[in-house]
Amino acid sequence: PIYLVANIPLMQEIEDTDIPGKKAILLNVYLVKEECWDYFD
C-alpha cells in the first residue's frame, strides 16, 4: 500500500540495542494511508 508522510519526521537519541552503553538515532516517520490523506489537515 501507498502511504504519505503526514508530519515532520522526528529524530531522537535512544540506547543502541546492538551495542550496550552506546547511543543510536531513531527516526520516527509518521504516515497516513493514501486513501485517507484528504481527511488530515
ModelCIF file with pLDDT and N, C-alpha, C, O atoms, coordinates in Angstrom:
data_MODEL
#
_entry.id   MODEL 
#
_entity.id                         1 
_entity.type                       polymer 
_entity.pdbx_number_of_molecules   1 
#
_entity_poly.entity_id                      1 
_entity_poly.type                           'polypeptide(L)' 
_entity_poly.nstd_linkage                   no 
_entity_poly.nstd_monomer                   no 
_entity_poly.pdbx_seq_one_letter_code       PIYLVANIPLMQEIEDTDIPGKKAILLNVYLVKEECWDYFD 
_entity_poly.pdbx_seq_one_letter_code_can   PIYLVANIPLMQEIEDTDIPGKKAILLNVYLVKEECWDYFD 
_entity_poly.pdbx_strand_id                 A 
#
loop_
_entity_poly_seq.entity_id 
_entity_poly_seq.num 
_entity_poly_seq.mon_id 
_entity_poly_seq.hetero 
1 1  PRO n 
1 2  ILE n 
1 3  TYR n 
1 4  LEU n 
1 5  VAL n 
1 6  ALA n 
1 7  ASN n 
1 8  ILE n 
1 9  PRO n 
1 10 LEU n 
1 11 MET n 
1 12 GLN n 
1 13 GLU n 
1 14 ILE n 
1 15 GLU n 
1 16 ASP n 
1 17 THR n 
1 18 ASP n 
1 19 ILE n 
1 20 PRO n 
1 21 GLY n 
1 22 LYS n 
1 23 LYS n 
1 24 ALA n 
1 25 ILE n 
1 26 LEU n 
1 27 LEU n 
1 28 ASN n 
1 29 VAL n 
1 30 TYR n 
1 31 LEU n 
1 32 VAL n 
1 33 LYS n 
1 34 GLU n 
1 35 GLU n 
1 36 CYS n 
1 37 TRP n 
1 38 ASP n 
1 39 TYR n 
1 40 PHE n 
1 41 ASP n 
#
_struct_asym.id          A 
_struct_asym.entity_id   1 
#
loop_
_ma_qa_metric.id 
_ma_qa_metric.mode 
_ma_qa_metric.name 
_ma_qa_metric.software_group_id 
_ma_qa_metric.type 
1 global pLDDT . pLDDT 
2 local  pLDDT . pLDDT 
#
_ma_qa_metric_global.metric_id      1 
_ma_qa_metric_global.metric_value   94.00 
_ma_qa_metric_global.model_id       1 
_ma_qa_metric_global.ordinal_id     1 
#
loop_
_ma_qa_metric_local.label_asym_id 
_ma_qa_metric_local.label_comp_id 
_ma_qa_metric_local.label_seq_id 
_ma_qa_metric_local.metric_id 
_ma_qa_metric_local.metric_value 
_ma_qa_metric_local.model_id 
_ma_qa_metric_local.ordinal_id 
A PRO 1  2 96.00 1 1  
A ILE 2  2 97.00 1 2  
A TYR 3  2 98.00 1 3  
A LEU 4  2 98.00 1 4  
A VAL 5  2 97.00 1 5  
A ALA 6  2 96.00 1 6  
A ASN 7  2 95.00 1 7  
A ILE 8  2 91.00 1 8  
A PRO 9  2 92.00 1 9  
A LEU 10 2 93.00 1 10 
A MET 11 2 94.00 1 11 
A GLN 12 2 95.00 1 12 
A GLU 13 2 95.00 1 13 
A ILE 14 2 94.00 1 14 
A GLU 15 2 92.00 1 15 
A ASP 16 2 88.00 1 16 
A THR 17 2 81.00 1 17 
A ASP 18 2 81.00 1 18 
A ILE 19 2 85.00 1 19 
A PRO 20 2 90.00 1 20 
A GLY 21 2 92.00 1 21 
A LYS 22 2 93.00 1 22 
A LYS 23 2 94.00 1 23 
A ALA 24 2 93.00 1 24 
A ILE 25 2 94.00 1 25 
A LEU 26 2 95.00 1 26 
A LEU 27 2 95.00 1 27 
A ASN 28 2 96.00 1 28 
A VAL 29 2 96.00 1 29 
A TYR 30 2 97.00 1 30 
A LEU 31 2 98.00 1 31 
A VAL 32 2 98.00 1 32 
A LYS 33 2 97.00 1 33 
A GLU 34 2 97.00 1 34 
A GLU 35 2 97.00 1 35 
A CYS 36 2 97.00 1 36 
A TRP 37 2 97.00 1 37 
A ASP 38 2 96.00 1 38 
A TYR 39 2 96.00 1 39 
A PHE 40 2 95.00 1 40 
A ASP 41 2 93.00 1 41 
#
loop_
_atom_site.group_PDB 
_atom_site.id 
_atom_site.type_symbol 
_atom_site.label_atom_id 
_atom_site.label_alt_id 
_atom_site.label_comp_id 
_atom_site.label_asym_id 
_atom_site.label_entity_id 
_atom_site.label_seq_id 
_atom_site.pdbx_PDB_ins_code 
_atom_site.Cartn_x 
_atom_site.Cartn_y 
_atom_site.Cartn_z 
_atom_site.occupancy 
_atom_site.B_iso_or_equiv 
_atom_site.pdbx_formal_charge 
_atom_site.auth_seq_id 
_atom_site.auth_comp_id 
_atom_site.auth_asym_id 
_atom_site.auth_atom_id 
_atom_site.pdbx_PDB_model_num 
ATOM 1   N N  . PRO A 1 1  ? 0.832  -1.211 0.000  1.00 96.00 ? 1  PRO A N  1 
ATOM 2   C CA . PRO A 1 1  ? 0.000  0.000  0.000  1.00 96.00 ? 1  PRO A CA 1 
ATOM 3   C C  . PRO A 1 1  ? 0.865  1.258  0.000  1.00 96.00 ? 1  PRO A C  1 
ATOM 4   O O  . PRO A 1 1  ? 2.012  1.246  0.446  1.00 96.00 ? 1  PRO A O  1 
ATOM 5   N N  . ILE A 1 2  ? 0.290  2.331  -0.506 1.00 97.00 ? 2  ILE A N  1 
ATOM 6   C CA . ILE A 1 2  ? 0.986  3.619  -0.557 1.00 97.00 ? 2  ILE A CA 1 
ATOM 7   C C  . ILE A 1 2  ? 0.584  4.443  0.665  1.00 97.00 ? 2  ILE A C  1 
ATOM 8   O O  . ILE A 1 2  ? -0.590 4.544  1.021  1.00 97.00 ? 2  ILE A O  1 
ATOM 9   N N  . TYR A 1 3  ? 1.605  5.026  1.288  1.00 98.00 ? 3  TYR A N  1 
ATOM 10  C CA . TYR A 1 3  ? 1.425  5.922  2.426  1.00 98.00 ? 3  TYR A CA 1 
ATOM 11  C C  . TYR A 1 3  ? 2.064  7.259  2.070  1.00 98.00 ? 3  TYR A C  1 
ATOM 12  O O  . TYR A 1 3  ? 2.942  7.339  1.211  1.00 98.00 ? 3  TYR A O  1 
ATOM 13  N N  . LEU A 1 4  ? 1.604  8.308  2.751  1.00 98.00 ? 4  LEU A N  1 
ATOM 14  C CA . LEU A 1 4  ? 2.185  9.641  2.566  1.00 98.00 ? 4  LEU A CA 1 
ATOM 15  C C  . LEU A 1 4  ? 2.749  10.119 3.898  1.00 98.00 ? 4  LEU A C  1 
ATOM 16  O O  . LEU A 1 4  ? 2.167  9.871  4.954  1.00 98.00 ? 4  LEU A O  1 
ATOM 17  N N  . VAL A 1 5  ? 3.883  10.804 3.841  1.00 97.00 ? 5  VAL A N  1 
ATOM 18  C CA . VAL A 1 5  ? 4.487  11.365 5.048  1.00 97.00 ? 5  VAL A CA 1 
ATOM 19  C C  . VAL A 1 5  ? 3.558  12.467 5.547  1.00 97.00 ? 5  VAL A C  1 
ATOM 20  O O  . VAL A 1 5  ? 3.309  13.444 4.841  1.00 97.00 ? 5  VAL A O  1 
ATOM 21  N N  . ALA A 1 6  ? 3.044  12.304 6.770  1.00 96.00 ? 6  ALA A N  1 
ATOM 22  C CA . ALA A 1 6  ? 1.973  13.157 7.270  1.00 96.00 ? 6  ALA A CA 1 
ATOM 23  C C  . ALA A 1 6  ? 2.409  14.136 8.351  1.00 96.00 ? 6  ALA A C  1 
ATOM 24  O O  . ALA A 1 6  ? 1.573  14.822 8.939  1.00 96.00 ? 6  ALA A O  1 
ATOM 25  N N  . ASN A 1 7  ? 3.691  14.208 8.613  1.00 95.00 ? 7  ASN A N  1 
ATOM 26  C CA . ASN A 1 7  ? 4.209  15.157 9.584  1.00 95.00 ? 7  ASN A CA 1 
ATOM 27  C C  . ASN A 1 7  ? 5.713  15.238 9.398  1.00 95.00 ? 7  ASN A C  1 
ATOM 28  O O  . ASN A 1 7  ? 6.291  14.457 8.641  1.00 95.00 ? 7  ASN A O  1 
ATOM 29  N N  . ILE A 1 8  ? 6.343  16.165 10.073 1.00 91.00 ? 8  ILE A N  1 
ATOM 30  C CA . ILE A 1 8  ? 7.794  16.274 10.006 1.00 91.00 ? 8  ILE A CA 1 
ATOM 31  C C  . ILE A 1 8  ? 8.386  15.074 10.738 1.00 91.00 ? 8  ILE A C  1 
ATOM 32  O O  . ILE A 1 8  ? 8.055  14.848 11.902 1.00 91.00 ? 8  ILE A O  1 
ATOM 33  N N  . PRO A 1 9  ? 9.257  14.294 10.084 1.00 92.00 ? 9  PRO A N  1 
ATOM 34  C CA . PRO A 1 9  ? 9.890  13.166 10.788 1.00 92.00 ? 9  PRO A CA 1 
ATOM 35  C C  . PRO A 1 9  ? 10.663 13.678 12.005 1.00 92.00 ? 9  PRO A C  1 
ATOM 36  O O  . PRO A 1 9  ? 11.297 14.732 11.957 1.00 92.00 ? 9  PRO A O  1 
ATOM 37  N N  . LEU A 1 10 ? 10.597 12.913 13.093 1.00 93.00 ? 10 LEU A N  1 
ATOM 38  C CA . LEU A 1 10 ? 11.253 13.305 14.339 1.00 93.00 ? 10 LEU A CA 1 
ATOM 39  C C  . LEU A 1 10 ? 12.408 12.366 14.647 1.00 93.00 ? 10 LEU A C  1 
ATOM 40  O O  . LEU A 1 10 ? 12.267 11.144 14.602 1.00 93.00 ? 10 LEU A O  1 
ATOM 41  N N  . MET A 1 11 ? 13.546 12.958 14.959 1.00 94.00 ? 11 MET A N  1 
ATOM 42  C CA . MET A 1 11 ? 14.737 12.188 15.281 1.00 94.00 ? 11 MET A CA 1 
ATOM 43  C C  . MET A 1 11 ? 14.967 12.275 16.787 1.00 94.00 ? 11 MET A C  1 
ATOM 44  O O  . MET A 1 11 ? 14.821 13.343 17.383 1.00 94.00 ? 11 MET A O  1 
ATOM 45  N N  . GLN A 1 12 ? 15.327 11.146 17.397 1.00 95.00 ? 12 GLN A N  1 
ATOM 46  C CA . GLN A 1 12 ? 15.629 11.151 18.822 1.00 95.00 ? 12 GLN A CA 1 
ATOM 47  C C  . GLN A 1 12 ? 16.776 10.194 19.108 1.00 95.00 ? 12 GLN A C  1 
ATOM 48  O O  . GLN A 1 12 ? 17.030 9.256  18.351 1.00 95.00 ? 12 GLN A O  1 
ATOM 49  N N  . GLU A 1 13 ? 17.460 10.449 20.212 1.00 95.00 ? 13 GLU A N  1 
ATOM 50  C CA . GLU A 1 13 ? 18.562 9.590  20.627 1.00 95.00 ? 13 GLU A CA 1 
ATOM 51  C C  . GLU A 1 13 ? 18.008 8.508  21.539 1.00 95.00 ? 13 GLU A C  1 
ATOM 52  O O  . GLU A 1 13 ? 17.214 8.788  22.437 1.00 95.00 ? 13 GLU A O  1 
ATOM 53  N N  . ILE A 1 14 ? 18.431 7.268  21.304 1.00 94.00 ? 14 ILE A N  1 
ATOM 54  C CA . ILE A 1 14 ? 17.980 6.130  22.110 1.00 94.00 ? 14 ILE A CA 1 
ATOM 55  C C  . ILE A 1 14 ? 19.192 5.279  22.481 1.00 94.00 ? 14 ILE A C  1 
ATOM 56  O O  . ILE A 1 14 ? 20.287 5.483  21.958 1.00 94.00 ? 14 ILE A O  1 
ATOM 57  N N  . GLU A 1 15 ? 18.988 4.331  23.382 1.00 92.00 ? 15 GLU A N  1 
ATOM 58  C CA . GLU A 1 15 ? 20.028 3.356  23.686 1.00 92.00 ? 15 GLU A CA 1 
ATOM 59  C C  . GLU A 1 15 ? 20.157 2.415  22.498 1.00 92.00 ? 15 GLU A C  1 
ATOM 60  O O  . GLU A 1 15 ? 19.151 1.956  21.957 1.00 92.00 ? 15 GLU A O  1 
ATOM 61  N N  . ASP A 1 16 ? 21.367 2.130  22.097 1.00 88.00 ? 16 ASP A N  1 
ATOM 62  C CA . ASP A 1 16 ? 21.608 1.214  20.977 1.00 88.00 ? 16 ASP A CA 1 
ATOM 63  C C  . ASP A 1 16 ? 21.396 -0.211 21.468 1.00 88.00 ? 16 ASP A C  1 
ATOM 64  O O  . ASP A 1 16 ? 22.100 -0.672 22.366 1.00 88.00 ? 16 ASP A O  1 
ATOM 65  N N  . THR A 1 17 ? 20.434 -0.903 20.884 1.00 81.00 ? 17 THR A N  1 
ATOM 66  C CA . THR A 1 17 ? 20.136 -2.277 21.310 1.00 81.00 ? 17 THR A CA 1 
ATOM 67  C C  . THR A 1 17 ? 21.223 -3.257 20.885 1.00 81.00 ? 17 THR A C  1 
ATOM 68  O O  . THR A 1 17 ? 21.315 -4.357 21.429 1.00 81.00 ? 17 THR A O  1 
ATOM 69  N N  . ASP A 1 18 ? 22.049 -2.861 19.913 1.00 81.00 ? 18 ASP A N  1 
ATOM 70  C CA . ASP A 1 18 ? 23.124 -3.738 19.442 1.00 81.00 ? 18 ASP A CA 1 
ATOM 71  C C  . ASP A 1 18 ? 24.419 -3.560 20.216 1.00 81.00 ? 18 ASP A C  1 
ATOM 72  O O  . ASP A 1 18 ? 25.218 -4.491 20.310 1.00 81.00 ? 18 ASP A O  1 
ATOM 73  N N  . ILE A 1 19 ? 24.634 -2.369 20.773 1.00 85.00 ? 19 ILE A N  1 
ATOM 74  C CA . ILE A 1 19 ? 25.885 -2.066 21.472 1.00 85.00 ? 19 ILE A CA 1 
ATOM 75  C C  . ILE A 1 19 ? 25.536 -1.464 22.842 1.00 85.00 ? 19 ILE A C  1 
ATOM 76  O O  . ILE A 1 19 ? 25.265 -0.267 22.939 1.00 85.00 ? 19 ILE A O  1 
ATOM 77  N N  . PRO A 1 20 ? 25.542 -2.287 23.896 1.00 90.00 ? 20 PRO A N  1 
ATOM 78  C CA . PRO A 1 20 ? 25.211 -1.776 25.236 1.00 90.00 ? 20 PRO A CA 1 
ATOM 79  C C  . PRO A 1 20 ? 26.108 -0.589 25.629 1.00 90.00 ? 20 PRO A C  1 
ATOM 80  O O  . PRO A 1 20 ? 27.318 -0.604 25.403 1.00 90.00 ? 20 PRO A O  1 
ATOM 81  N N  . GLY A 1 21 ? 25.490 0.424  26.216 1.00 92.00 ? 21 GLY A N  1 
ATOM 82  C CA . GLY A 1 21 ? 26.212 1.605  26.651 1.00 92.00 ? 21 GLY A CA 1 
ATOM 83  C C  . GLY A 1 21 ? 26.414 2.650  25.572 1.00 92.00 ? 21 GLY A C  1 
ATOM 84  O O  . GLY A 1 21 ? 26.939 3.725  25.859 1.00 92.00 ? 21 GLY A O  1 
ATOM 85  N N  . LYS A 1 22 ? 26.016 2.371  24.350 1.00 93.00 ? 22 LYS A N  1 
ATOM 86  C CA . LYS A 1 22 ? 26.145 3.327  23.244 1.00 93.00 ? 22 LYS A CA 1 
ATOM 87  C C  . LYS A 1 22 ? 24.767 3.869  22.875 1.00 93.00 ? 22 LYS A C  1 
ATOM 88  O O  . LYS A 1 22 ? 23.737 3.273  23.189 1.00 93.00 ? 22 LYS A O  1 
ATOM 89  N N  . LYS A 1 23 ? 24.780 4.999  22.211 1.00 94.00 ? 23 LYS A N  1 
ATOM 90  C CA . LYS A 1 23 ? 23.548 5.626  21.745 1.00 94.00 ? 23 LYS A CA 1 
ATOM 91  C C  . LYS A 1 23 ? 23.340 5.364  20.263 1.00 94.00 ? 23 LYS A C  1 
ATOM 92  O O  . LYS A 1 23 ? 24.289 5.090  19.529 1.00 94.00 ? 23 LYS A O  1 
ATOM 93  N N  . ALA A 1 24 ? 22.113 5.449  19.842 1.00 93.00 ? 24 ALA A N  1 
ATOM 94  C CA . ALA A 1 24 ? 21.741 5.325  18.434 1.00 93.00 ? 24 ALA A CA 1 
ATOM 95  C C  . ALA A 1 24 ? 20.700 6.407  18.140 1.00 93.00 ? 24 ALA A C  1 
ATOM 96  O O  . ALA A 1 24 ? 20.165 7.034  19.054 1.00 93.00 ? 24 ALA A O  1 
ATOM 97  N N  . ILE A 1 25 ? 20.427 6.612  16.873 1.00 94.00 ? 25 ILE A N  1 
ATOM 98  C CA . ILE A 1 25 ? 19.411 7.569  16.445 1.00 94.00 ? 25 ILE A CA 1 
ATOM 99  C C  . ILE A 1 25 ? 18.171 6.793  15.988 1.00 94.00 ? 25 ILE A C  1 
ATOM 100 O O  . ILE A 1 25 ? 18.273 5.804  15.262 1.00 94.00 ? 25 ILE A O  1 
ATOM 101 N N  . LEU A 1 26 ? 17.010 7.258  16.424 1.00 95.00 ? 26 LEU A N  1 
ATOM 102 C CA . LEU A 1 26 ? 15.735 6.702  15.977 1.00 95.00 ? 26 LEU A CA 1 
ATOM 103 C C  . LEU A 1 26 ? 15.015 7.783  15.187 1.00 95.00 ? 26 LEU A C  1 
ATOM 104 O O  . LEU A 1 26 ? 14.754 8.870  15.702 1.00 95.00 ? 26 LEU A O  1 
ATOM 105 N N  . LEU A 1 27 ? 14.695 7.477  13.929 1.00 95.00 ? 27 LEU A N  1 
ATOM 106 C CA . LEU A 1 27 ? 13.929 8.404  13.096 1.00 95.00 ? 27 LEU A CA 1 
ATOM 107 C C  . LEU A 1 27 ? 12.496 7.901  13.025 1.00 95.00 ? 27 LEU A C  1 
ATOM 108 O O  . LEU A 1 27 ? 12.219 6.862  12.426 1.00 95.00 ? 27 LEU A O  1 
ATOM 109 N N  . ASN A 1 28 ? 11.579 8.656  13.648 1.00 96.00 ? 28 ASN A N  1 
ATOM 110 C CA . ASN A 1 28 ? 10.154 8.339  13.616 1.00 96.00 ? 28 ASN A CA 1 
ATOM 111 C C  . ASN A 1 28 ? 9.529  9.038  12.414 1.00 96.00 ? 28 ASN A C  1 
ATOM 112 O O  . ASN A 1 28 ? 9.584  10.262 12.294 1.00 96.00 ? 28 ASN A O  1 
ATOM 113 N N  . VAL A 1 29 ? 8.933  8.242  11.524 1.00 96.00 ? 29 VAL A N  1 
ATOM 114 C CA . VAL A 1 29 ? 8.274  8.781  10.339 1.00 96.00 ? 29 VAL A CA 1 
ATOM 115 C C  . VAL A 1 29 ? 6.777  8.512  10.480 1.00 96.00 ? 29 VAL A C  1 
ATOM 116 O O  . VAL A 1 29 ? 6.348  7.364  10.592 1.00 96.00 ? 29 VAL A O  1 
ATOM 117 N N  . TYR A 1 30 ? 5.988  9.595  10.472 1.00 97.00 ? 30 TYR A N  1 
ATOM 118 C CA . TYR A 1 30 ? 4.546  9.500  10.650 1.00 97.00 ? 30 TYR A CA 1 
ATOM 119 C C  . TYR A 1 30 ? 3.869  9.513  9.291  1.00 97.00 ? 30 TYR A C  1 
ATOM 120 O O  . TYR A 1 30 ? 4.058  10.433 8.496  1.00 97.00 ? 30 TYR A O  1 
ATOM 121 N N  . LEU A 1 31 ? 3.081  8.486  9.036  1.00 98.00 ? 31 LEU A N  1 
ATOM 122 C CA . LEU A 1 31 ? 2.461  8.271  7.731  1.00 98.00 ? 31 LEU A CA 1 
ATOM 123 C C  . LEU A 1 31 ? 0.948  8.238  7.826  1.00 98.00 ? 31 LEU A C  1 
ATOM 124 O O  . LEU A 1 31 ? 0.376  8.096  8.906  1.00 98.00 ? 31 LEU A O  1 
ATOM 125 N N  . VAL A 1 32 ? 0.309  8.373  6.663  1.00 98.00 ? 32 VAL A N  1 
ATOM 126 C CA . VAL A 1 32 ? -1.142 8.223  6.510  1.00 98.00 ? 32 VAL A CA 1 
ATOM 127 C C  . VAL A 1 32 ? -1.362 7.404  5.253  1.00 98.00 ? 32 VAL A C  1 
ATOM 128 O O  . VAL A 1 32 ? -0.661 7.582  4.257  1.00 98.00 ? 32 VAL A O  1 
ATOM 129 N N  . LYS A 1 33 ? -2.332 6.512  5.298  1.00 97.00 ? 33 LYS A N  1 
ATOM 130 C CA . LYS A 1 33 ? -2.690 5.771  4.082  1.00 97.00 ? 33 LYS A CA 1 
ATOM 131 C C  . LYS A 1 33 ? -3.122 6.765  3.012  1.00 97.00 ? 33 LYS A C  1 
ATOM 132 O O  . LYS A 1 33 ? -3.808 7.747  3.294  1.00 97.00 ? 33 LYS A O  1 
ATOM 133 N N  . GLU A 1 34 ? -2.710 6.491  1.790  1.00 97.00 ? 34 GLU A N  1 
ATOM 134 C CA . GLU A 1 34 ? -3.008 7.405  0.685  1.00 97.00 ? 34 GLU A CA 1 
ATOM 135 C C  . GLU A 1 34 ? -4.501 7.730  0.597  1.00 97.00 ? 34 GLU A C  1 
ATOM 136 O O  . GLU A 1 34 ? -4.871 8.883  0.377  1.00 97.00 ? 34 GLU A O  1 
ATOM 137 N N  . GLU A 1 35 ? -5.348 6.734  0.766  1.00 97.00 ? 35 GLU A N  1 
ATOM 138 C CA . GLU A 1 35 ? -6.790 6.961  0.619  1.00 97.00 ? 35 GLU A CA 1 
ATOM 139 C C  . GLU A 1 35 ? -7.390 7.787  1.768  1.00 97.00 ? 35 GLU A C  1 
ATOM 140 O O  . GLU A 1 35 ? -8.534 8.229  1.672  1.00 97.00 ? 35 GLU A O  1 
ATOM 141 N N  . CYS A 1 36 ? -6.631 7.998  2.852  1.00 97.00 ? 36 CYS A N  1 
ATOM 142 C CA . CYS A 1 36 ? -7.108 8.790  3.990  1.00 97.00 ? 36 CYS A CA 1 
ATOM 143 C C  . CYS A 1 36 ? -6.531 10.197 4.011  1.00 97.00 ? 36 CYS A C  1 
ATOM 144 O O  . CYS A 1 36 ? -6.927 11.011 4.846  1.00 97.00 ? 36 CYS A O  1 
ATOM 145 N N  . TRP A 1 37 ? -5.610 10.497 3.114  1.00 97.00 ? 37 TRP A N  1 
ATOM 146 C CA . TRP A 1 37 ? -4.864 11.756 3.116  1.00 97.00 ? 37 TRP A CA 1 
ATOM 147 C C  . TRP A 1 37 ? -5.775 12.978 3.180  1.00 97.00 ? 37 TRP A C  1 
ATOM 148 O O  . TRP A 1 37 ? -5.484 13.911 3.929  1.00 97.00 ? 37 TRP A O  1 
ATOM 149 N N  . ASP A 1 38 ? -6.864 13.001 2.421  1.00 96.00 ? 38 ASP A N  1 
ATOM 150 C CA . ASP A 1 38 ? -7.738 14.177 2.355  1.00 96.00 ? 38 ASP A CA 1 
ATOM 151 C C  . ASP A 1 38 ? -8.454 14.477 3.674  1.00 96.00 ? 38 ASP A C  1 
ATOM 152 O O  . ASP A 1 38 ? -8.975 15.579 3.845  1.00 96.00 ? 38 ASP A O  1 
ATOM 153 N N  . TYR A 1 39 ? -8.492 13.528 4.606  1.00 96.00 ? 39 TYR A N  1 
ATOM 154 C CA . TYR A 1 39 ? -9.153 13.737 5.892  1.00 96.00 ? 39 TYR A CA 1 
ATOM 155 C C  . TYR A 1 39 ? -8.231 14.422 6.910  1.00 96.00 ? 39 TYR A C  1 
ATOM 156 O O  . TYR A 1 39 ? -8.684 14.819 7.984  1.00 96.00 ? 39 TYR A O  1 
ATOM 157 N N  . PHE A 1 40 ? -6.963 14.559 6.582  1.00 95.00 ? 40 PHE A N  1 
ATOM 158 C CA . PHE A 1 40 ? -5.979 15.112 7.503  1.00 95.00 ? 40 PHE A CA 1 
ATOM 159 C C  . PHE A 1 40 ? -5.652 16.560 7.144  1.00 95.00 ? 40 PHE A C  1 
ATOM 160 O O  . PHE A 1 40 ? -5.304 16.866 6.003  1.00 95.00 ? 40 PHE A O  1 
ATOM 161 N N  . ASP A 1 41 ? -5.769 17.446 8.135  1.00 93.00 ? 41 ASP A N  1 
ATOM 162 C CA . ASP A 1 41 ? -5.356 18.839 7.941  1.00 93.00 ? 41 ASP A CA 1 
ATOM 163 C C  . ASP A 1 41 ? -3.835 18.914 7.974  1.00 93.00 ? 41 ASP A C  1 
ATOM 164 O O  . ASP A 1 41 ? -3.267 19.996 7.831  1.00 93.00 ? 41 ASP A O  1 
#
